[in-house]
PDB file of N, CA and C in Angstrom:
ATOM      1  N   MET A   1      -4.977  -6.467  -5.780  1.00  0.00           N
ATOM      2  CA  MET A   1      -4.203  -6.896  -7.019  1.00  0.00           C
ATOM      3  C   MET A   1      -4.031  -8.284  -6.844  1.00  0.00           C
ATOM      4  N   TRP A   2      -4.199  -9.035  -7.977  1.00  0.00           N
ATOM      5  CA  TRP A   2      -4.065 -10.567  -8.069  1.00  0.00           C
ATOM      6  C   TRP A   2      -2.987 -10.967  -8.968  1.00  0.00           C
ATOM      7  N   VAL A   3      -2.348 -12.182  -8.568  1.00  0.00           N
ATOM      8  CA  VAL A   3      -1.398 -12.834  -9.252  1.00  0.00           C
ATOM      9  C   VAL A   3      -1.872 -14.083  -9.497  1.00  0.00           C
ATOM     10  N   GLY A   4      -2.505 -14.381 -10.427  1.00  0.00           N
ATOM     11  CA  GLY A   4      -2.942 -16.090 -10.535  1.00  0.00           C
ATOM     12  C   GLY A   4      -4.449 -16.038  -9.392  1.00  0.00           C
ATOM     13  N   ASP A   5      -4.400 -16.656  -8.600  1.00  0.00           N
ATOM     14  CA  ASP A   5      -5.394 -16.922  -7.737  1.00  0.00           C
ATOM     15  C   ASP A   5      -4.974 -16.118  -6.413  1.00  0.00           C
ATOM     16  N   ASP A   6      -3.810 -15.398  -6.232  1.00  0.00           N
ATOM     17  CA  ASP A   6      -3.387 -15.081  -5.041  1.00  0.00           C
ATOM     18  C   ASP A   6      -3.377 -13.652  -4.992  1.00  0.00           C
ATOM     19  N   LYS A   7      -3.780 -12.955  -3.735  1.00  0.00           N
ATOM     20  CA  LYS A   7      -4.204 -11.671  -3.747  1.00  0.00           C
ATOM     21  C   LYS A   7      -2.877 -11.125  -2.907  1.00  0.00           C
ATOM     22  N   ILE A   8      -1.973 -10.238  -3.627  1.00  0.00           N
ATOM     23  CA  ILE A   8      -0.729  -9.948  -3.054  1.00  0.00           C
ATOM     24  C   ILE A   8      -0.990  -8.166  -2.639  1.00  0.00           C
ATOM     25  N   ALA A   9      -2.034  -7.507  -2.928  1.00  0.00           N
ATOM     26  CA  ALA A   9      -2.477  -6.156  -2.647  1.00  0.00           C
ATOM     27  C   ALA A   9      -3.794  -5.795  -2.576  1.00  0.00           C
ATOM     28  N   SER A  10      -4.113  -4.596  -2.103  1.00  0.00           N
ATOM     29  CA  SER A  10      -5.406  -3.901  -1.890  1.00  0.00           C
ATOM     30  C   SER A  10      -5.250  -2.556  -2.071  1.00  0.00           C
ATOM     31  N   VAL A  11      -6.459  -1.943  -2.542  1.00  0.00           N
ATOM     32  CA  VAL A  11      -6.633  -0.809  -2.656  1.00  0.00           C
ATOM     33  C   VAL A  11      -7.764  -0.315  -1.884  1.00  0.00           C
ATOM     34  N   GLY A  12      -7.946   0.845  -1.167  1.00  0.00           N
ATOM     35  CA  GLY A  12      -9.117   1.256  -0.374  1.00  0.00           C
ATOM     36  C   GLY A  12      -9.310   2.518  -0.460  1.00  0.00           C
ATOM     37  N   ILE A  13     -10.530   2.871  -0.271  1.00  0.00           N
ATOM     38  CA  ILE A  13     -11.300   4.351  -0.311  1.00  0.00           C
ATOM     39  C   ILE A  13     -12.021   4.404   0.823  1.00  0.00           C
ATOM     40  N   HIS A  14     -12.162   5.553   1.525  1.00  0.00           N
ATOM     41  CA  HIS A  14     -12.920   5.996   2.601  1.00  0.00           C
ATOM     42  C   HIS A  14     -13.445   7.237   2.394  1.00  0.00           C
ATOM     43  N   VAL A  15     -14.774   7.449   2.424  1.00  0.00           N
ATOM     44  CA  VAL A  15     -15.338   9.149   2.298  1.00  0.00           C
ATOM     45  C   VAL A  15     -16.174   9.257   3.242  1.00  0.00           C
ATOM     46  N   ARG A  16     -16.014  10.421   4.021  1.00  0.00           N
ATOM     47  CA  ARG A  16     -16.869  10.805   5.144  1.00  0.00           C
ATOM     48  C   ARG A  16     -16.630  12.183   5.316  1.00  0.00           C
ATOM     49  N   ASN A  17     -17.841  12.851   5.379  1.00  0.00           N
ATOM     50  CA  ASN A  17     -18.027  14.278   5.521  1.00  0.00           C
ATOM     51  C   ASN A  17     -17.357  15.133   4.362  1.00  0.00           C
ATOM     52  N   TRP A  18     -17.540  14.517   3.180  1.00  0.00           N
ATOM     53  CA  TRP A  18     -16.999  15.160   2.027  1.00  0.00           C
ATOM     54  C   TRP A  18     -15.626  15.238   1.861  1.00  0.00           C
ATOM     55  N   VAL A  19     -14.848  14.194   2.644  1.00  0.00           N
ATOM     56  CA  VAL A  19     -13.558  14.195   2.564  1.00  0.00           C
ATOM     57  C   VAL A  19     -13.123  12.671   2.216  1.00  0.00           C
ATOM     58  N   THR A  20     -12.261  12.508   1.234  1.00  0.00           N
ATOM     59  CA  THR A  20     -11.965  11.140   0.816  1.00  0.00           C
ATOM     60  C   THR A  20     -10.554  10.844   1.062  1.00  0.00           C
ATOM     61  N   ARG A  21     -10.362   9.656   1.493  1.00  0.00           N
ATOM     62  CA  ARG A  21      -9.015   9.017   1.864  1.00  0.00           C
ATOM     63  C   ARG A  21      -8.890   7.749   1.140  1.00  0.00           C
ATOM     64  N   HIS A  22      -7.678   7.586   0.887  1.00  0.00           N
ATOM     65  CA  HIS A  22      -7.370   6.281  -0.037  1.00  0.00           C
ATOM     66  C   HIS A  22      -6.078   5.780   0.434  1.00  0.00           C
ATOM     67  N   GLY A  23      -6.023   4.278   0.073  1.00  0.00           N
ATOM     68  CA  GLY A  23      -4.666   3.742   0.502  1.00  0.00           C
ATOM     69  C   GLY A  23      -4.587   2.625  -0.226  1.00  0.00           C
ATOM     70  N   VAL A  24      -3.259   1.828  -0.187  1.00  0.00           N
ATOM     71  CA  VAL A  24      -2.892   0.893  -0.747  1.00  0.00           C
ATOM     72  C   VAL A  24      -1.877  -0.011   0.250  1.00  0.00           C
ATOM     73  N   ALA A  25      -2.404  -1.109   0.017  1.00  0.00           N
ATOM     74  CA  ALA A  25      -1.781  -2.412   1.126  1.00  0.00           C
ATOM     75  C   ALA A  25      -0.957  -3.410   0.200  1.00  0.00           C
ATOM     76  N   LEU A  26       0.260  -3.311   0.137  1.00  0.00           N
ATOM     77  CA  LEU A  26       1.264  -4.086  -0.690  1.00  0.00           C
ATOM     78  C   LEU A  26       1.705  -5.071   0.235  1.00  0.00           C
ATOM     79  N   ASN A  27       1.512  -6.537   0.011  1.00  0.00           N
ATOM     80  CA  ASN A  27       1.877  -7.596   0.799  1.00  0.00           C
ATOM     81  C   ASN A  27       3.220  -7.861   0.342  1.00  0.00           C
ATOM     82  N   VAL A  28       4.493  -7.269   0.963  1.00  0.00           N
ATOM     83  CA  VAL A  28       5.650  -7.406   0.636  1.00  0.00           C
ATOM     84  C   VAL A  28       6.318  -8.752   1.329  1.00  0.00           C
ATOM     85  N   ALA A  29       6.340  -8.965   2.580  1.00  0.00           N
ATOM     86  CA  ALA A  29       6.906 -10.089   3.338  1.00  0.00           C
ATOM     87  C   ALA A  29       5.843 -10.327   4.611  1.00  0.00           C
ATOM     88  N   VAL A  30       4.770 -10.752   4.443  1.00  0.00           N
ATOM     89  CA  VAL A  30       3.792 -10.917   5.603  1.00  0.00           C
ATOM     90  C   VAL A  30       3.836 -12.503   6.044  1.00  0.00           C
ATOM     91  N   GLN A  31       3.477 -12.650   7.216  1.00  0.00           N
ATOM     92  CA  GLN A  31       3.252 -14.039   7.818  1.00  0.00           C
ATOM     93  C   GLN A  31       1.849 -14.340   7.551  1.00  0.00           C
ATOM     94  N   ALA A  32       1.548 -15.452   6.909  1.00  0.00           N
ATOM     95  CA  ALA A  32       0.201 -16.006   6.397  1.00  0.00           C
ATOM     96  C   ALA A  32      -0.587 -16.280   7.656  1.00  0.00           C
ATOM     97  N   GLU A  33      -0.025 -16.852   8.904  1.00  0.00           N
ATOM     98  CA  GLU A  33      -0.888 -16.877  10.109  1.00  0.00           C
ATOM     99  C   GLU A  33      -1.575 -15.939  10.383  1.00  0.00           C
ATOM    100  N   HIS A  34      -0.825 -14.614  10.147  1.00  0.00           N
ATOM    101  CA  HIS A  34      -1.615 -13.228  10.690  1.00  0.00           C
ATOM    102  C   HIS A  34      -2.980 -12.902   9.857  1.00  0.00           C
ATOM    103  N   PHE A  35      -3.082 -13.458   8.832  1.00  0.00           N
ATOM    104  CA  PHE A  35      -4.091 -13.126   7.953  1.00  0.00           C
ATOM    105  C   PHE A  35      -5.117 -14.404   7.950  1.00  0.00           C
ATOM    106  N   SER A  36      -5.050 -15.393   8.821  1.00  0.00           N
ATOM    107  CA  SER A  36      -5.929 -16.605   8.667  1.00  0.00           C
ATOM    108  C   SER A  36      -7.503 -16.303   8.887  1.00  0.00           C
ATOM    109  N   MET A  37      -7.644 -15.327   9.750  1.00  0.00           N
ATOM    110  CA  MET A  37      -9.139 -14.701  10.039  1.00  0.00           C
ATOM    111  C   MET A  37      -9.498 -13.780   9.085  1.00  0.00           C
ATOM    112  N   ILE A  38      -8.898 -13.313   8.077  1.00  0.00           N
ATOM    113  CA  ILE A  38      -9.316 -12.476   7.003  1.00  0.00           C
ATOM    114  C   ILE A  38      -9.777 -12.941   6.083  1.00  0.00           C
ATOM    115  N   ARG A  39     -10.736 -12.489   5.195  1.00  0.00           N
ATOM    116  CA  ARG A  39     -11.336 -12.801   3.952  1.00  0.00           C
ATOM    117  C   ARG A  39     -11.003 -11.691   3.071  1.00  0.00           C
ATOM    118  N   PRO A  40     -10.052 -11.695   2.232  1.00  0.00           N
ATOM    119  CA  PRO A  40      -9.570 -10.740   1.458  1.00  0.00           C
ATOM    120  C   PRO A  40     -10.860 -10.418   0.372  1.00  0.00           C
ATOM    121  N   CYS A  41     -11.488  -8.975   0.438  1.00  0.00           N
ATOM    122  CA  CYS A  41     -12.488  -8.474  -0.326  1.00  0.00           C
ATOM    123  C   CYS A  41     -13.740  -9.506  -0.056  1.00  0.00           C
ATOM    124  N   GLY A  42     -13.926 -10.333   0.834  1.00  0.00           N
ATOM    125  CA  GLY A  42     -14.876 -11.166   1.132  1.00  0.00           C
ATOM    126  C   GLY A  42     -15.050 -12.337   0.400  1.00  0.00           C
ATOM    127  N   LEU A  43     -13.816 -12.710  -0.174  1.00  0.00           N
ATOM    128  CA  LEU A  43     -13.587 -13.859  -1.190  1.00  0.00           C
ATOM    129  C   LEU A  43     -13.069 -15.170  -0.240  1.00  0.00           C
ATOM    130  N   PRO A  44     -13.088 -16.297  -0.838  1.00  0.00           N
ATOM    131  CA  PRO A  44     -12.533 -17.460  -0.190  1.00  0.00           C
ATOM    132  C   PRO A  44     -11.183 -17.751  -0.879  1.00  0.00           C
ATOM    133  N   VAL A  45     -10.389 -16.474  -0.673  1.00  0.00           N
ATOM    134  CA  VAL A  45      -8.839 -16.759  -1.358  1.00  0.00           C
ATOM    135  C   VAL A  45      -8.022 -16.497  -0.267  1.00  0.00           C
ATOM    136  N   ARG A  46      -6.688 -16.647  -0.551  1.00  0.00           N
ATOM    137  CA  ARG A  46      -5.555 -16.438   0.716  1.00  0.00           C
ATOM    138  C   ARG A  46      -4.741 -15.149   0.216  1.00  0.00           C
ATOM    139  N   ALA A  47      -4.378 -14.354   1.022  1.00  0.00           N
ATOM    140  CA  ALA A  47      -3.510 -13.152   0.945  1.00  0.00           C
ATOM    141  C   ALA A  47      -2.218 -13.690   1.116  1.00  0.00           C
ATOM    142  N   VAL A  48      -1.304 -13.500   0.132  1.00  0.00           N
ATOM    143  CA  VAL A  48      -0.057 -13.855   0.085  1.00  0.00           C
ATOM    144  C   VAL A  48       0.866 -12.741   0.024  1.00  0.00           C
ATOM    145  N   SER A  49       2.250 -13.043   0.280  1.00  0.00           N
ATOM    146  CA  SER A  49       3.179 -11.927   0.074  1.00  0.00           C
ATOM    147  C   SER A  49       3.684 -11.900  -1.079  1.00  0.00           C
ATOM    148  N   MET A  50       4.329 -10.741  -1.677  1.00  0.00           N
ATOM    149  CA  MET A  50       5.101 -10.825  -2.959  1.00  0.00           C
ATOM    150  C   MET A  50       6.197 -11.730  -2.805  1.00  0.00           C
ATOM    151  N   ASN A  51       6.862 -11.845  -1.698  1.00  0.00           N
ATOM    152  CA  ASN A  51       8.130 -12.779  -1.832  1.00  0.00           C
ATOM    153  C   ASN A  51       7.864 -14.190  -1.755  1.00  0.00           C
ATOM    154  N   GLU A  52       6.570 -14.573  -1.468  1.00  0.00           N
ATOM    155  CA  GLU A  52       6.146 -16.027  -1.874  1.00  0.00           C
ATOM    156  C   GLU A  52       6.041 -16.233  -3.315  1.00  0.00           C
ATOM    157  N   ARG A  53       5.790 -15.145  -3.956  1.00  0.00           N
ATOM    158  CA  ARG A  53       5.721 -15.323  -5.474  1.00  0.00           C
ATOM    159  C   ARG A  53       7.045 -14.906  -6.324  1.00  0.00           C
ATOM    160  N   LEU A  54       7.839 -14.345  -5.809  1.00  0.00           N
ATOM    161  CA  LEU A  54       8.984 -14.056  -6.390  1.00  0.00           C
ATOM    162  C   LEU A  54      10.133 -15.028  -6.428  1.00  0.00           C
ATOM    163  N   ALA A  55      11.094 -15.249  -7.542  1.00  0.00           N
ATOM    164  CA  ALA A  55      12.076 -16.054  -7.327  1.00  0.00           C
ATOM    165  C   ALA A  55      13.136 -15.703  -6.166  1.00  0.00           C
ATOM    166  N   ALA A  56      13.394 -14.395  -5.791  1.00  0.00           N
ATOM    167  CA  ALA A  56      14.323 -13.878  -4.885  1.00  0.00           C
ATOM    168  C   ALA A  56      13.374 -12.910  -4.056  1.00  0.00           C
ATOM    169  N   PRO A  57      13.491 -12.830  -2.654  1.00  0.00           N
ATOM    170  CA  PRO A  57      12.970 -11.943  -1.912  1.00  0.00           C
ATOM    171  C   PRO A  57      13.127 -10.452  -2.152  1.00  0.00           C
ATOM    172  N   ALA A  58      12.244  -9.682  -2.247  1.00  0.00           N
ATOM    173  CA  ALA A  58      12.291  -8.191  -2.342  1.00  0.00           C
ATOM    174  C   ALA A  58      12.642  -7.672  -0.899  1.00  0.00           C
ATOM    175  N   ALA A  59      13.419  -6.679  -1.130  1.00  0.00           N
ATOM    176  CA  ALA A  59      13.584  -5.751   0.064  1.00  0.00           C
ATOM    177  C   ALA A  59      12.810  -4.607   0.216  1.00  0.00           C
ATOM    178  N   TRP A  60      12.155  -4.320   1.294  1.00  0.00           N
ATOM    179  CA  TRP A  60      11.123  -3.411   1.494  1.00  0.00           C
ATOM    180  C   TRP A  60      11.606  -2.008   0.912  1.00  0.00           C
ATOM    181  N   ASP A  61      12.795  -1.762   1.152  1.00  0.00           N
ATOM    182  CA  ASP A  61      13.423  -0.274   0.670  1.00  0.00           C
ATOM    183  C   ASP A  61      13.314  -0.143  -0.785  1.00  0.00           C
ATOM    184  N   ASP A  62      13.675  -1.376  -1.422  1.00  0.00           N
ATOM    185  CA  ASP A  62      13.583  -1.264  -2.948  1.00  0.00           C
ATOM    186  C   ASP A  62      12.027  -1.368  -3.439  1.00  0.00           C
ATOM    187  N   VAL A  63      11.145  -2.146  -2.758  1.00  0.00           N
ATOM    188  CA  VAL A  63       9.680  -2.023  -3.146  1.00  0.00           C
ATOM    189  C   VAL A  63       9.285  -0.522  -3.019  1.00  0.00           C
ATOM    190  N   GLU A  64       9.428  -0.050  -1.727  1.00  0.00           N
ATOM    191  CA  GLU A  64       8.943   1.339  -1.295  1.00  0.00           C
ATOM    192  C   GLU A  64       9.364   2.557  -2.456  1.00  0.00           C
ATOM    193  N   ARG A  65      10.814   2.339  -2.838  1.00  0.00           N
ATOM    194  CA  ARG A  65      11.390   3.217  -3.905  1.00  0.00           C
ATOM    195  C   ARG A  65      10.490   2.970  -5.389  1.00  0.00           C
ATOM    196  N   ARG A  66      10.634   1.898  -5.512  1.00  0.00           N
ATOM    197  CA  ARG A  66       9.999   1.418  -7.004  1.00  0.00           C
ATOM    198  C   ARG A  66       8.441   1.948  -7.089  1.00  0.00           C
ATOM    199  N   LEU A  67       7.838   1.549  -5.815  1.00  0.00           N
ATOM    200  CA  LEU A  67       6.165   1.992  -5.833  1.00  0.00           C
ATOM    201  C   LEU A  67       6.320   3.303  -5.890  1.00  0.00           C
ATOM    202  N   ALA A  68       6.978   4.117  -5.313  1.00  0.00           N
ATOM    203  CA  ALA A  68       6.848   5.658  -5.325  1.00  0.00           C
ATOM    204  C   ALA A  68       7.154   6.206  -6.734  1.00  0.00           C
ATOM    205  N   SER A  69       8.178   5.516  -7.220  1.00  0.00           N
ATOM    206  CA  SER A  69       8.659   6.128  -8.636  1.00  0.00           C
ATOM    207  C   SER A  69       7.668   5.843  -9.778  1.00  0.00           C
ATOM    208  N   GLU A  70       7.149   4.595  -9.584  1.00  0.00           N
ATOM    209  CA  GLU A  70       6.201   4.130 -10.802  1.00  0.00           C
ATOM    210  C   GLU A  70       4.832   4.746 -10.653  1.00  0.00           C
ATOM    211  N   THR A  71       4.381   5.259  -9.398  1.00  0.00           N
ATOM    212  CA  THR A  71       3.287   5.942  -9.172  1.00  0.00           C
ATOM    213  C   THR A  71       3.587   7.360  -9.546  1.00  0.00           C
ATOM    214  N   ALA A  72       4.601   8.001  -9.441  1.00  0.00           N
ATOM    215  CA  ALA A  72       4.974   9.388  -9.753  1.00  0.00           C
ATOM    216  C   ALA A  72       4.928   9.366 -11.118  1.00  0.00           C
ATOM    217  N   ASP A  73       5.567   8.398 -11.703  1.00  0.00           N
ATOM    218  CA  ASP A  73       5.388   8.348 -13.426  1.00  0.00           C
ATOM    219  C   ASP A  73       3.984   8.244 -13.719  1.00  0.00           C
ATOM    220  N   LEU A  74       3.169   7.463 -13.248  1.00  0.00           N
ATOM    221  CA  LEU A  74       1.679   7.357 -13.700  1.00  0.00           C
ATOM    222  C   LEU A  74       0.854   8.521 -13.514  1.00  0.00           C
ATOM    223  N   LEU A  75       1.236   9.196 -12.619  1.00  0.00           N
ATOM    224  CA  LEU A  75       0.407  10.427 -12.322  1.00  0.00           C
ATOM    225  C   LEU A  75       0.999  11.819 -12.917  1.00  0.00           C
ATOM    226  N   GLY A  76       2.211  11.570 -13.797  1.00  0.00           N
ATOM    227  CA  GLY A  76       2.810  12.531 -14.275  1.00  0.00           C
ATOM    228  C   GLY A  76       3.495  13.692 -13.394  1.00  0.00           C
ATOM    229  N   ARG A  77       4.075  13.150 -12.118  1.00  0.00           N
ATOM    230  CA  ARG A  77       4.737  14.036 -11.130  1.00  0.00           C
ATOM    231  C   ARG A  77       5.979  13.681 -10.892  1.00  0.00           C
ATOM    232  N   ARG A  78       6.670  14.411 -10.206  1.00  0.00           N
ATOM    233  CA  ARG A  78       8.059  14.112  -9.766  1.00  0.00           C
ATOM    234  C   ARG A  78       8.126  13.945  -8.287  1.00  0.00           C
ATOM    235  N   LEU A  79       9.193  12.897  -7.853  1.00  0.00           N
ATOM    236  CA  LEU A  79       9.045  12.879  -6.306  1.00  0.00           C
ATOM    237  C   LEU A  79      10.186  13.797  -5.818  1.00  0.00           C
ATOM    238  N   VAL A  80       9.741  14.349  -4.744  1.00  0.00           N
ATOM    239  CA  VAL A  80      10.559  15.420  -3.953  1.00  0.00           C
ATOM    240  C   VAL A  80      10.948  14.835  -2.494  1.00  0.00           C
ATOM    241  N   GLU A  81      12.025  14.566  -1.956  1.00  0.00           N
ATOM    242  CA  GLU A  81      12.272  14.114  -0.591  1.00  0.00           C
ATOM    243  C   GLU A  81      12.048  15.187   0.385  1.00  0.00           C
ATOM    244  N   ARG A  82      11.266  14.822   1.340  1.00  0.00           N
ATOM    245  CA  ARG A  82      10.937  15.465   2.620  1.00  0.00           C
ATOM    246  C   ARG A  82      11.155  14.790   3.820  1.00  0.00           C
ATOM    247  N   SER A  83      11.503  15.382   5.027  1.00  0.00           N
ATOM    248  CA  SER A  83      11.410  14.866   6.263  1.00  0.00           C
ATOM    249  C   SER A  83      10.143  14.561   6.872  1.00  0.00           C
ATOM    250  N   LEU A  84      10.128  13.737   7.652  1.00  0.00           N
ATOM    251  CA  LEU A  84       8.714  13.639   8.523  1.00  0.00           C
ATOM    252  C   LEU A  84       8.428  14.954   9.072  1.00  0.00           C
ATOM    253  N   ARG A  85       9.314  15.800   9.558  1.00  0.00           N
ATOM    254  CA  ARG A  85       8.883  16.996  10.214  1.00  0.00           C
ATOM    255  C   ARG A  85       8.215  17.915   9.150  1.00  0.00           C
ATOM    256  N   GLU A  86       8.841  18.092   7.954  1.00  0.00           N
ATOM    257  CA  GLU A  86       8.464  18.865   6.974  1.00  0.00           C
ATOM    258  C   GLU A  86       6.906  18.520   6.264  1.00  0.00           C
ATOM    259  N   VAL A  87       6.577  17.244   6.163  1.00  0.00           N
ATOM    260  CA  VAL A  87       5.598  16.603   5.841  1.00  0.00           C
ATOM    261  C   VAL A  87       4.445  16.870   6.978  1.00  0.00           C
ATOM    262  N   GLY A  88       5.010  16.773   8.291  1.00  0.00           N
ATOM    263  CA  GLY A  88       3.792  17.151   9.227  1.00  0.00           C
ATOM    264  C   GLY A  88       3.411  18.481   9.509  1.00  0.00           C
ATOM    265  N   GLU A  89       4.178  19.373   8.816  1.00  0.00           N
ATOM    266  CA  GLU A  89       3.887  20.823   8.839  1.00  0.00           C
ATOM    267  C   GLU A  89       3.173  21.371   7.626  1.00  0.00           C
ATOM    268  N   GLY A  90       2.898  20.347   6.816  1.00  0.00           N
ATOM    269  CA  GLY A  90       2.224  20.800   5.545  1.00  0.00           C
ATOM    270  C   GLY A  90       0.914  21.353   5.763  1.00  0.00           C
ATOM    271  N   PRO A  91       0.046  21.822   4.728  1.00  0.00           N
ATOM    272  CA  PRO A  91      -1.277  22.366   4.852  1.00  0.00           C
ATOM    273  C   PRO A  91      -2.281  21.441   5.567  1.00  0.00           C
ATOM    274  N   TRP A  92      -1.887  20.156   5.301  1.00  0.00           N
ATOM    275  CA  TRP A  92      -2.988  19.224   5.722  1.00  0.00           C
ATOM    276  C   TRP A  92      -2.930  18.882   7.229  1.00  0.00           C
ATOM    277  N   ALA A  93      -1.857  19.425   7.764  1.00  0.00           N
ATOM    278  CA  ALA A  93      -1.594  19.160   9.284  1.00  0.00           C
ATOM    279  C   ALA A  93      -2.755  19.796  10.102  1.00  0.00           C
ATOM    280  N   ALA A  94      -3.460  20.675   9.694  1.00  0.00           N
ATOM    281  CA  ALA A  94      -4.663  21.206  10.373  1.00  0.00           C
ATOM    282  C   ALA A  94      -5.963  20.303  10.415  1.00  0.00           C
ATOM    283  N   TYR A  95      -5.861  19.499   9.445  1.00  0.00           N
ATOM    284  CA  TYR A  95      -7.193  18.327   9.572  1.00  0.00           C
ATOM    285  C   TYR A  95      -7.088  17.460  10.569  1.00  0.00           C
ATOM    286  N   PRO A  96      -8.257  17.046  11.179  1.00  0.00           N
ATOM    287  CA  PRO A  96      -8.054  16.219  12.291  1.00  0.00           C
ATOM    288  C   PRO A  96      -7.932  14.839  11.736  1.00  0.00           C
ATOM    289  N   ARG A  97      -7.093  14.157  12.510  1.00  0.00           N
ATOM    290  CA  ARG A  97      -7.036  12.467  12.207  1.00  0.00           C
ATOM    291  C   ARG A  97      -7.941  11.745  12.969  1.00  0.00           C
ATOM    292  N   THR A  98      -8.600  10.943  12.230  1.00  0.00           N
ATOM    293  CA  THR A  98      -9.795   9.993  12.699  1.00  0.00           C
ATOM    294  C   THR A  98      -9.387   8.521  12.594  1.00  0.00           C
TER     295      THR A  98
END
């Protein structure tokens, strides 16, 4: 995701043995020096945090809630709170982690 010339987020997908995995990396409050050796998408751009672009810093909890809510709305789903234990015991727990 780009804001002007600044990259503030990434979306990735991995396919292996007919299994797909996907993820989102949202740069909320990162330290730029940690990314000095990384070329986002192989391009000569800098990765920045959302907080560098916002008038007031965003709290991670607020970003997490908003991202989950907007994603659920976009997918036509509703959010259901679960504990880590409940999630770990879901049907996907049988799949190996690599």
